[in-house]
Amino acid sequence: EKNNWTPAVLAGPAFGKFVDDEFASLR
């Protein structure tokens, strides 16, 4: 609340896949 962060919890293999996909999209 203080920092106006949006919760975006993702754990396990799904997080690893997200990082890989995000890397490709960001590039």
PDB file of all heavy atoms in Angstrom:
ATOM      1  N   GLU A   1       0.818  -1.215   0.000  1.00  0.00           N
ATOM      2  CA  GLU A   1       0.000   0.000   0.000  1.00  0.00           C
ATOM      3  C   GLU A   1       0.849   1.261   0.000  1.00  0.00           C
ATOM      4  O   GLU A   1       0.593   2.194  -0.774  1.00  0.00           O
ATOM      5  CB  GLU A   1      -0.920  -0.008   1.224  1.00  0.00           C
ATOM      6  CG  GLU A   1      -1.890   1.169   1.252  1.00  0.00           C
ATOM      7  CD  GLU A   1      -2.888   1.083   2.394  1.00  0.00           C
ATOM      8  OE1 GLU A   1      -2.963   0.022   3.047  1.00  0.00           O
ATOM      9  OE2 GLU A   1      -3.589   2.077   2.628  1.00  0.00           O
ATOM     10  N   LYS A   2       1.872   1.272   0.821  1.00  0.00           N
ATOM     11  CA  LYS A   2       2.730   2.456   0.941  1.00  0.00           C
ATOM     12  C   LYS A   2       3.430   2.787  -0.378  1.00  0.00           C
ATOM     13  O   LYS A   2       3.558   3.959  -0.755  1.00  0.00           O
ATOM     14  CB  LYS A   2       3.779   2.226   2.039  1.00  0.00           C
ATOM     15  CG  LYS A   2       4.786   3.363   2.176  1.00  0.00           C
ATOM     16  CD  LYS A   2       5.834   3.028   3.227  1.00  0.00           C
ATOM     17  CE  LYS A   2       6.886   4.130   3.314  1.00  0.00           C
ATOM     18  NZ  LYS A   2       7.946   3.793   4.313  1.00  0.00           N
ATOM     19  N   ASN A   3       3.891   1.752  -1.083  1.00  0.00           N
ATOM     20  CA  ASN A   3       4.687   1.963  -2.289  1.00  0.00           C
ATOM     21  C   ASN A   3       3.887   1.876  -3.580  1.00  0.00           C
ATOM     22  O   ASN A   3       4.438   1.994  -4.665  1.00  0.00           O
ATOM     23  CB  ASN A   3       5.829   0.949  -2.325  1.00  0.00           C
ATOM     24  CG  ASN A   3       6.790   1.126  -1.170  1.00  0.00           C
ATOM     25  OD1 ASN A   3       7.418   2.172  -1.037  1.00  0.00           O
ATOM     26  ND2 ASN A   3       6.909   0.115  -0.315  1.00  0.00           N
ATOM     27  N   ASN A   4       2.580   1.681  -3.447  1.00  0.00           N
ATOM     28  CA  ASN A   4       1.707   1.559  -4.614  1.00  0.00           C
ATOM     29  C   ASN A   4       2.148   0.411  -5.524  1.00  0.00           C
ATOM     30  O   ASN A   4       2.122   0.513  -6.745  1.00  0.00           O
ATOM     31  CB  ASN A   4       1.643   2.874  -5.402  1.00  0.00           C
ATOM     32  CG  ASN A   4       0.335   3.016  -6.154  1.00  0.00           C
ATOM     33  OD1 ASN A   4      -0.722   2.701  -5.627  1.00  0.00           O
ATOM     34  ND2 ASN A   4       0.392   3.471  -7.379  1.00  0.00           N
ATOM     35  N   TRP A   5       2.584  -0.686  -4.901  1.00  0.00           N
ATOM     36  CA  TRP A   5       2.951  -1.879  -5.652  1.00  0.00           C
ATOM     37  C   TRP A   5       1.700  -2.706  -5.919  1.00  0.00           C
ATOM     38  O   TRP A   5       0.826  -2.818  -5.073  1.00  0.00           O
ATOM     39  CB  TRP A   5       3.929  -2.746  -4.861  1.00  0.00           C
ATOM     40  CG  TRP A   5       5.278  -2.158  -4.658  1.00  0.00           C
ATOM     41  CD1 TRP A   5       5.893  -1.205  -5.404  1.00  0.00           C
ATOM     42  CD2 TRP A   5       6.209  -2.494  -3.608  1.00  0.00           C
ATOM     43  NE1 TRP A   5       7.147  -0.924  -4.896  1.00  0.00           N
ATOM     44  CE2 TRP A   5       7.356  -1.699  -3.798  1.00  0.00           C
ATOM     45  CE3 TRP A   5       6.173  -3.388  -2.542  1.00  0.00           C
ATOM     46  CZ2 TRP A   5       8.473  -1.774  -2.970  1.00  0.00           C
ATOM     47  CZ3 TRP A   5       7.273  -3.465  -1.706  1.00  0.00           C
ATOM     48  CH2 TRP A   5       8.409  -2.670  -1.914  1.00  0.00           C
ATOM     49  N   THR A   6       1.668  -3.318  -7.097  1.00  0.00           N
ATOM     50  CA  THR A   6       0.591  -4.246  -7.424  1.00  0.00           C
ATOM     51  C   THR A   6       1.073  -5.662  -7.158  1.00  0.00           C
ATOM     52  O   THR A   6       2.126  -6.053  -7.674  1.00  0.00           O
ATOM     53  CB  THR A   6       0.204  -4.115  -8.912  1.00  0.00           C
ATOM     54  OG1 THR A   6      -0.223  -2.770  -9.171  1.00  0.00           O
ATOM     55  CG2 THR A   6      -0.910  -5.090  -9.273  1.00  0.00           C
ATOM     56  N   PRO A   7       0.351  -6.451  -6.333  1.00  0.00           N
ATOM     57  CA  PRO A   7       0.782  -7.835  -6.113  1.00  0.00           C
ATOM     58  C   PRO A   7       0.795  -8.591  -7.446  1.00  0.00           C
ATOM     59  O   PRO A   7      -0.135  -8.479  -8.248  1.00  0.00           O
ATOM     60  CB  PRO A   7      -0.293  -8.396  -5.171  1.00  0.00           C
ATOM     61  CG  PRO A   7      -0.944  -7.200  -4.564  1.00  0.00           C
ATOM     62  CD  PRO A   7      -0.878  -6.122  -5.586  1.00  0.00           C
ATOM     63  N   ALA A   8       1.865  -9.338  -7.683  1.00  0.00           N
ATOM     64  CA  ALA A   8       1.985 -10.084  -8.946  1.00  0.00           C
ATOM     65  C   ALA A   8       2.683 -11.412  -8.664  1.00  0.00           C
ATOM     66  O   ALA A   8       3.674 -11.762  -9.306  1.00  0.00           O
ATOM     67  CB  ALA A   8       2.767  -9.259  -9.967  1.00  0.00           C
ATOM     68  N   VAL A   9       2.181 -12.140  -7.679  1.00  0.00           N
ATOM     69  CA  VAL A   9       2.865 -13.339  -7.184  1.00  0.00           C
ATOM     70  C   VAL A   9       2.807 -14.469  -8.205  1.00  0.00           C
ATOM     71  O   VAL A   9       1.747 -14.829  -8.714  1.00  0.00           O
ATOM     72  CB  VAL A   9       2.256 -13.800  -5.847  1.00  0.00           C
ATOM     73  CG1 VAL A   9       2.996 -15.017  -5.314  1.00  0.00           C
ATOM     74  CG2 VAL A   9       2.292 -12.661  -4.826  1.00  0.00           C
ATOM     75  N   LEU A  10       3.975 -15.010  -8.502  1.00  0.00           N
ATOM     76  CA  LEU A  10       4.107 -16.143  -9.417  1.00  0.00           C
ATOM     77  C   LEU A  10       5.318 -16.941  -8.962  1.00  0.00           C
ATOM     78  O   LEU A  10       6.415 -16.400  -8.863  1.00  0.00           O
ATOM     79  CB  LEU A  10       4.301 -15.658 -10.850  1.00  0.00           C
ATOM     80  CG  LEU A  10       4.311 -16.717 -11.960  1.00  0.00           C
ATOM     81  CD1 LEU A  10       2.937 -17.371 -12.080  1.00  0.00           C
ATOM     82  CD2 LEU A  10       4.734 -16.099 -13.286  1.00  0.00           C
ATOM     83  N   ALA A  11       5.132 -18.211  -8.660  1.00  0.00           N
ATOM     84  CA  ALA A  11       6.226 -19.014  -8.097  1.00  0.00           C
ATOM     85  C   ALA A  11       6.407 -20.313  -8.874  1.00  0.00           C
ATOM     86  O   ALA A  11       5.595 -20.676  -9.730  1.00  0.00           O
ATOM     87  CB  ALA A  11       5.943 -19.316  -6.626  1.00  0.00           C
ATOM     88  N   GLY A  12       7.513 -20.995  -8.560  1.00  0.00           N
ATOM     89  CA  GLY A  12       7.767 -22.302  -9.151  1.00  0.00           C
ATOM     90  C   GLY A  12       8.163 -22.227 -10.614  1.00  0.00           C
ATOM     91  O   GLY A  12       8.616 -21.185 -11.106  1.00  0.00           O
ATOM     92  N   PRO A  13       7.973 -23.316 -11.347  1.00  0.00           N
ATOM     93  CA  PRO A  13       8.350 -23.369 -12.766  1.00  0.00           C
ATOM     94  C   PRO A  13       7.674 -22.281 -13.604  1.00  0.00           C
ATOM     95  O   PRO A  13       8.240 -21.812 -14.584  1.00  0.00           O
ATOM     96  CB  PRO A  13       7.879 -24.765 -13.200  1.00  0.00           C
ATOM     97  CG  PRO A  13       7.889 -25.578 -11.945  1.00  0.00           C
ATOM     98  CD  PRO A  13       7.484 -24.630 -10.863  1.00  0.00           C
ATOM     99  N   ALA A  14       6.466 -21.878 -13.195  1.00  0.00           N
ATOM    100  CA  ALA A  14       5.757 -20.831 -13.934  1.00  0.00           C
ATOM    101  C   ALA A  14       6.536 -19.519 -13.919  1.00  0.00           C
ATOM    102  O   ALA A  14       6.544 -18.773 -14.911  1.00  0.00           O
ATOM    103  CB  ALA A  14       4.363 -20.618 -13.344  1.00  0.00           C
ATOM    104  N   PHE A  15       7.211 -19.236 -12.800  1.00  0.00           N
ATOM    105  CA  PHE A  15       8.017 -18.018 -12.726  1.00  0.00           C
ATOM    106  C   PHE A  15       9.236 -18.124 -13.636  1.00  0.00           C
ATOM    107  O   PHE A  15       9.581 -17.169 -14.337  1.00  0.00           O
ATOM    108  CB  PHE A  15       8.445 -17.743 -11.285  1.00  0.00           C
ATOM    109  CG  PHE A  15       9.360 -16.552 -11.136  1.00  0.00           C
ATOM    110  CD1 PHE A  15       9.025 -15.318 -11.660  1.00  0.00           C
ATOM    111  CD2 PHE A  15      10.578 -16.673 -10.469  1.00  0.00           C
ATOM    112  CE1 PHE A  15       9.872 -14.216 -11.536  1.00  0.00           C
ATOM    113  CE2 PHE A  15      11.433 -15.584 -10.331  1.00  0.00           C
ATOM    114  CZ  PHE A  15      11.072 -14.355 -10.869  1.00  0.00           C
ATOM    115  N   GLY A  16       9.887 -19.283 -13.647  1.00  0.00           N
ATOM    116  CA  GLY A  16      11.034 -19.481 -14.530  1.00  0.00           C
ATOM    117  C   GLY A  16      10.654 -19.287 -15.987  1.00  0.00           C
ATOM    118  O   GLY A  16      11.385 -18.645 -16.755  1.00  0.00           O
ATOM    119  N   LYS A  17       9.491 -19.821 -16.384  1.00  0.00           N
ATOM    120  CA  LYS A  17       9.020 -19.666 -17.764  1.00  0.00           C
ATOM    121  C   LYS A  17       8.692 -18.209 -18.060  1.00  0.00           C
ATOM    122  O   LYS A  17       8.986 -17.689 -19.145  1.00  0.00           O
ATOM    123  CB  LYS A  17       7.789 -20.534 -18.016  1.00  0.00           C
ATOM    124  CG  LYS A  17       7.285 -20.471 -19.464  1.00  0.00           C
ATOM    125  CD  LYS A  17       6.058 -21.337 -19.681  1.00  0.00           C
ATOM    126  CE  LYS A  17       5.654 -21.332 -21.155  1.00  0.00           C
ATOM    127  NZ  LYS A  17       5.387 -19.972 -21.666  1.00  0.00           N
ATOM    128  N   PHE A  18       8.087 -17.518 -17.068  1.00  0.00           N
ATOM    129  CA  PHE A  18       7.765 -16.106 -17.235  1.00  0.00           C
ATOM    130  C   PHE A  18       9.027 -15.299 -17.529  1.00  0.00           C
ATOM    131  O   PHE A  18       9.040 -14.446 -18.426  1.00  0.00           O
ATOM    132  CB  PHE A  18       7.079 -15.564 -15.977  1.00  0.00           C
ATOM    133  CG  PHE A  18       7.027 -14.053 -15.920  1.00  0.00           C
ATOM    134  CD1 PHE A  18       6.062 -13.359 -16.623  1.00  0.00           C
ATOM    135  CD2 PHE A  18       7.966 -13.348 -15.177  1.00  0.00           C
ATOM    136  CE1 PHE A  18       6.022 -11.964 -16.594  1.00  0.00           C
ATOM    137  CE2 PHE A  18       7.936 -11.956 -15.141  1.00  0.00           C
ATOM    138  CZ  PHE A  18       6.955 -11.262 -15.848  1.00  0.00           C
ATOM    139  N   VAL A  19      10.096 -15.559 -16.782  1.00  0.00           N
ATOM    140  CA  VAL A  19      11.345 -14.813 -16.976  1.00  0.00           C
ATOM    141  C   VAL A  19      11.897 -15.057 -18.385  1.00  0.00           C
ATOM    142  O   VAL A  19      12.327 -14.119 -19.067  1.00  0.00           O
ATOM    143  CB  VAL A  19      12.388 -15.191 -15.906  1.00  0.00           C
ATOM    144  CG1 VAL A  19      13.740 -14.547 -16.220  1.00  0.00           C
ATOM    145  CG2 VAL A  19      11.920 -14.753 -14.522  1.00  0.00           C
ATOM    146  N   ASP A  20      11.864 -16.300 -18.826  1.00  0.00           N
ATOM    147  CA  ASP A  20      12.340 -16.614 -20.185  1.00  0.00           C
ATOM    148  C   ASP A  20      11.518 -15.881 -21.241  1.00  0.00           C
ATOM    149  O   ASP A  20      12.070 -15.295 -22.184  1.00  0.00           O
ATOM    150  CB  ASP A  20      12.260 -18.125 -20.432  1.00  0.00           C
ATOM    151  CG  ASP A  20      13.258 -18.919 -19.610  1.00  0.00           C
ATOM    152  OD1 ASP A  20      14.238 -18.314 -19.123  1.00  0.00           O
ATOM    153  OD2 ASP A  20      13.064 -20.137 -19.444  1.00  0.00           O
ATOM    154  N   ASP A  21      10.205 -15.900 -21.090  1.00  0.00           N
ATOM    155  CA  ASP A  21       9.327 -15.232 -22.052  1.00  0.00           C
ATOM    156  C   ASP A  21       9.507 -13.716 -22.008  1.00  0.00           C
ATOM    157  O   ASP A  21       9.505 -13.041 -23.038  1.00  0.00           O
ATOM    158  CB  ASP A  21       7.858 -15.578 -21.763  1.00  0.00           C
ATOM    159  CG  ASP A  21       7.528 -17.039 -22.034  1.00  0.00           C
ATOM    160  OD1 ASP A  21       8.339 -17.718 -22.695  1.00  0.00           O
ATOM    161  OD2 ASP A  21       6.462 -17.500 -21.567  1.00  0.00           O
ATOM    162  N   GLU A  22       9.667 -13.187 -20.801  1.00  0.00           N
ATOM    163  CA  GLU A  22       9.840 -11.744 -20.633  1.00  0.00           C
ATOM    164  C   GLU A  22      11.150 -11.279 -21.258  1.00  0.00           C
ATOM    165  O   GLU A  22      11.227 -10.199 -21.850  1.00  0.00           O
ATOM    166  CB  GLU A  22       9.812 -11.408 -19.137  1.00  0.00           C
ATOM    167  CG  GLU A  22       9.839  -9.924 -18.811  1.00  0.00           C
ATOM    168  CD  GLU A  22       8.509  -9.222 -19.024  1.00  0.00           C
ATOM    169  OE1 GLU A  22       7.560  -9.876 -19.493  1.00  0.00           O
ATOM    170  OE2 GLU A  22       8.430  -8.017 -18.737  1.00  0.00           O
ATOM    171  N   PHE A  23      12.177 -12.107 -21.123  1.00  0.00           N
ATOM    172  CA  PHE A  23      13.483 -11.773 -21.714  1.00  0.00           C
ATOM    173  C   PHE A  23      13.339 -11.625 -23.230  1.00  0.00           C
ATOM    174  O   PHE A  23      13.833 -10.659 -23.823  1.00  0.00           O
ATOM    175  CB  PHE A  23      14.495 -12.872 -21.375  1.00  0.00           C
ATOM    176  CG  PHE A  23      15.913 -12.518 -21.719  1.00  0.00           C
ATOM    177  CD1 PHE A  23      16.728 -11.885 -20.797  1.00  0.00           C
ATOM    178  CD2 PHE A  23      16.442 -12.822 -22.969  1.00  0.00           C
ATOM    179  CE1 PHE A  23      18.043 -11.554 -21.102  1.00  0.00           C
ATOM    180  CE2 PHE A  23      17.749 -12.498 -23.282  1.00  0.00           C
ATOM    181  CZ  PHE A  23      18.556 -11.866 -22.344  1.00  0.00           C
ATOM    182  N   ALA A  24      12.657 -12.574 -23.861  1.00  0.00           N
ATOM    183  CA  ALA A  24      12.468 -12.535 -25.313  1.00  0.00           C
ATOM    184  C   ALA A  24      11.621 -11.329 -25.729  1.00  0.00           C
ATOM    185  O   ALA A  24      11.936 -10.636 -26.707  1.00  0.00           O
ATOM    186  CB  ALA A  24      11.819 -13.828 -25.780  1.00  0.00           C
ATOM    187  N   SER A  25      10.553 -11.058 -24.963  1.00  0.00           N
ATOM    188  CA  SER A  25       9.661  -9.940 -25.279  1.00  0.00           C
ATOM    189  C   SER A  25      10.370  -8.603 -25.106  1.00  0.00           C
ATOM    190  O   SER A  25      10.234  -7.693 -25.941  1.00  0.00           O
ATOM    191  CB  SER A  25       8.430 -10.000 -24.372  1.00  0.00           C
ATOM    192  OG  SER A  25       7.615  -8.869 -24.550  1.00  0.00           O
ATOM    193  N   LEU A  26      11.144  -8.471 -24.019  1.00  0.00           N
ATOM    194  CA  LEU A  26      11.861  -7.232 -23.740  1.00  0.00           C
ATOM    195  C   LEU A  26      12.914  -6.963 -24.803  1.00  0.00           C
ATOM    196  O   LEU A  26      13.081  -5.829 -25.262  1.00  0.00           O
ATOM    197  CB  LEU A  26      12.517  -7.327 -22.351  1.00  0.00           C
ATOM    198  CG  LEU A  26      12.929  -6.017 -21.685  1.00  0.00           C
ATOM    199  CD1 LEU A  26      11.748  -5.074 -21.520  1.00  0.00           C
ATOM    200  CD2 LEU A  26      13.553  -6.298 -20.325  1.00  0.00           C
ATOM    201  N   ARG A  27      13.598  -8.007 -25.208  1.00  0.00           N
ATOM    202  CA  ARG A  27      14.602  -7.840 -26.269  1.00  0.00           C
ATOM    203  C   ARG A  27      13.963  -7.349 -27.565  1.00  0.00           C
ATOM    204  O   ARG A  27      14.478  -6.452 -28.228  1.00  0.00           O
ATOM    205  CB  ARG A  27      15.346  -9.162 -26.512  1.00  0.00           C
ATOM    206  CG  ARG A  27      16.412  -9.034 -27.571  1.00  0.00           C
ATOM    207  CD  ARG A  27      17.212 -10.328 -27.770  1.00  0.00           C
ATOM    208  NE  ARG A  27      18.169 -10.154 -28.825  1.00  0.00           N
ATOM    209  CZ  ARG A  27      19.355  -9.560 -28.706  1.00  0.00           C
ATOM    210  NH1 ARG A  27      19.728  -9.101 -27.515  1.00  0.00           N
ATOM    211  NH2 ARG A  27      20.173  -9.414 -29.729  1.00  0.00           N
TER     212      ARG A  27
END
